[in-house]
Amino acid sequence: MFLTPFRMKTFSFQFIRYILGISLILFTLNACDSAHQVVPNVYVDFSIRLMDPEFNSLTIPGNSLTVTGGVNGIIIYRISQDEFAAYDRTCTHDVNENCKVYVDETKLFAVDTACCGTKFLLLDGSVSEGVATYPLKRYRTYFDGYTLRVYN
């Protein structure tokens, strides 16, 4: 079957409408995703020796320590004898508010007490209660038995 000039114009018009429709759908989906605010990427790469007195609390699993770095500081949490987690203190609910999380008295959660009240589990940074939908920004860690490296 051959396309006549009339059918070819109709086919071209329908094809253009189809492409525009798909583009509009993709743009809309991307716009929804870009509404999600993320904690800005900043360079993080430092090492601490656990034997230094200022880091002594990190020798015991379940303890944490807040250090400078990242966007609003970094919480380092010792999960087990050889596993650590490091999280940016910026609450992920509304990054533009620039709210910080603090380790609570149970030493199990980081809580945004000033803005939205979201609680994040220190084991994995996930939201355990509150309005935030994204976990805390996590930095990579490496522990050689003496020195802990935190980096991205």
Protein backbone atom coordinates (compact mmCIF):
# COMPACT_ATOMS: atom_id res chain seq x y z
CA MET A 1 0.00 0.00 0.00
CA PHE A 2 1.34 3.39 -1.03
CA LEU A 3 0.81 6.61 0.84
CA THR A 4 -0.83 9.31 -1.18
CA PRO A 5 0.26 12.91 -0.53
CA PHE A 6 -2.94 13.44 1.52
CA ARG A 7 -2.36 10.30 3.63
CA MET A 8 1.30 11.24 4.04
CA LYS A 9 0.35 14.66 5.46
CA THR A 10 -2.18 13.03 7.82
CA PHE A 11 0.41 10.45 8.88
CA SER A 12 3.03 13.21 9.48
CA PHE A 13 0.56 15.30 11.50
CA GLN A 14 -0.41 12.32 13.66
CA PHE A 15 3.23 11.40 14.17
CA ILE A 16 4.07 14.96 15.29
CA ARG A 17 1.10 14.96 17.70
CA TYR A 18 2.26 11.62 19.08
CA ILE A 19 5.83 12.88 19.65
CA LEU A 20 4.57 16.09 21.28
CA GLY A 21 2.26 14.10 23.56
CA ILE A 22 5.06 11.79 24.66
CA SER A 23 7.34 14.79 25.23
CA LEU A 24 4.71 16.50 27.36
CA ILE A 25 4.26 13.38 29.50
CA LEU A 26 8.01 13.00 30.00
CA PHE A 27 8.39 16.69 30.83
CA THR A 28 5.57 16.48 33.41
CA LEU A 29 7.09 13.41 35.05
CA ASN A 30 10.50 15.05 35.15
CA ALA A 31 9.04 18.25 36.62
CA CYS A 32 7.47 16.25 39.45
CA ASP A 33 10.79 14.59 40.18
CA SER A 34 12.70 17.89 40.12
CA ALA A 35 10.38 19.22 42.83
CA HIS A 36 12.22 16.86 45.20
CA GLN A 37 14.92 18.85 46.89
CA VAL A 38 18.15 17.09 47.62
CA VAL A 39 20.87 17.95 50.07
CA PRO A 40 23.56 19.72 48.04
CA ASN A 41 26.71 17.80 47.21
CA VAL A 42 29.75 19.14 49.01
CA TYR A 43 33.20 17.61 49.08
CA VAL A 44 33.74 15.41 52.13
CA ASP A 45 36.95 13.47 52.76
CA PHE A 46 38.49 13.29 56.21
CA SER A 47 39.89 10.69 58.57
CA ILE A 48 39.75 10.40 62.33
CA ARG A 49 41.75 8.19 64.66
CA LEU A 50 39.45 6.60 67.20
CA MET A 51 42.23 6.56 69.78
CA ASP A 52 42.27 10.38 69.87
CA PRO A 53 40.50 11.58 73.05
CA GLU A 54 37.98 13.76 71.18
CA PHE A 55 36.68 10.69 69.30
CA ASN A 56 36.75 8.29 72.26
CA SER A 57 32.94 7.98 72.36
CA LEU A 58 33.04 6.23 68.98
CA THR A 59 34.90 3.24 70.44
CA ILE A 60 31.55 1.82 71.65
CA PRO A 61 28.87 0.55 69.22
CA GLY A 62 25.64 2.54 69.51
CA ASN A 63 27.40 5.84 70.21
CA SER A 64 27.56 8.81 67.89
CA LEU A 65 29.49 12.00 67.47
CA THR A 66 28.80 15.19 65.53
CA VAL A 67 31.65 16.73 63.54
CA THR A 68 31.97 19.64 61.16
CA GLY A 69 31.69 19.01 57.44
CA GLY A 70 29.01 18.37 54.87
CA VAL A 71 26.27 20.99 54.61
CA ASN A 72 25.23 21.31 58.28
CA GLY A 73 27.68 19.00 60.02
CA ILE A 74 27.99 15.22 60.00
CA ILE A 75 26.72 12.65 62.48
CA ILE A 76 29.00 9.63 62.75
CA TYR A 77 27.26 6.59 64.26
CA ARG A 78 29.00 3.37 65.23
CA ILE A 79 26.68 0.53 64.18
CA SER A 80 28.88 -2.40 65.22
CA GLN A 81 32.48 -3.22 66.06
CA ASP A 82 33.60 -2.60 62.47
CA GLU A 83 30.70 -0.74 60.81
CA PHE A 84 30.00 2.99 60.86
CA ALA A 85 27.43 5.29 59.27
CA ALA A 86 27.92 8.99 58.53
CA TYR A 87 24.98 11.28 57.76
CA ASP A 88 24.64 14.93 56.84
CA ARG A 89 22.67 16.75 59.54
CA THR A 90 20.41 18.48 56.99
CA CYS A 91 16.76 17.44 57.32
CA THR A 92 15.48 16.18 53.96
CA HIS A 93 11.89 17.40 54.38
CA ASP A 94 12.51 20.94 53.12
CA VAL A 95 16.16 21.48 52.32
CA ASN A 96 15.60 25.22 51.76
CA GLU A 97 14.65 25.60 55.44
CA ASN A 98 18.22 24.53 56.30
CA CYS A 99 17.06 22.58 59.38
CA LYS A 100 19.47 20.36 61.28
CA VAL A 101 18.88 17.02 62.94
CA TYR A 102 20.19 16.18 66.39
CA VAL A 103 20.82 12.79 67.98
CA ASP A 104 18.11 12.20 70.59
CA GLU A 105 18.55 10.86 74.13
CA THR A 106 17.95 7.25 73.03
CA LYS A 107 20.96 7.45 70.68
CA LEU A 108 18.88 5.62 68.07
CA PHE A 109 17.40 8.53 66.14
CA ALA A 110 18.36 11.85 64.59
CA VAL A 111 15.47 14.28 65.03
CA ASP A 112 14.61 17.60 63.42
CA THR A 113 13.35 19.43 66.52
CA ALA A 114 13.17 22.93 65.03
CA CYS A 115 11.20 22.53 61.80
CA CYS A 116 9.18 19.40 61.08
CA GLY A 117 9.83 16.89 63.88
CA THR A 118 10.88 14.07 61.56
CA LYS A 119 12.82 11.20 63.15
CA PHE A 120 15.48 9.34 61.19
CA LEU A 121 16.84 5.95 62.25
CA LEU A 122 20.61 6.12 62.75
CA LEU A 123 21.17 2.53 61.62
CA ASP A 124 20.33 3.37 58.00
CA GLY A 125 19.18 7.01 57.87
CA SER A 126 15.60 6.08 56.96
CA VAL A 127 12.56 8.06 58.08
CA SER A 128 10.94 6.37 61.06
CA GLU A 129 8.32 9.01 61.78
CA GLY A 130 7.36 12.45 60.48
CA VAL A 131 6.71 14.25 57.22
CA ALA A 132 10.04 13.75 55.42
CA THR A 133 9.92 11.16 52.66
CA TYR A 134 13.63 10.81 51.91
CA PRO A 135 16.37 9.39 54.16
CA LEU A 136 19.27 11.41 55.49
CA LYS A 137 22.12 11.97 53.05
CA ARG A 138 24.70 9.29 53.80
CA TYR A 139 28.43 9.56 53.28
CA ARG A 140 30.69 6.61 52.64
CA THR A 141 32.89 5.24 55.42
CA TYR A 142 35.94 3.00 55.59
CA PHE A 143 37.37 1.64 58.85
CA ASP A 144 40.72 -0.15 59.01
CA GLY A 145 40.53 -0.98 62.71
CA TYR A 146 42.23 2.26 63.85
CA THR A 147 41.22 5.07 61.54
CA LEU A 148 37.79 5.94 60.19
CA ARG A 149 37.59 7.65 56.80
CA VAL A 150 34.42 9.57 55.85
CA TYR A 151 34.10 10.59 52.21
CA ASN A 152 31.83 10.89 49.18
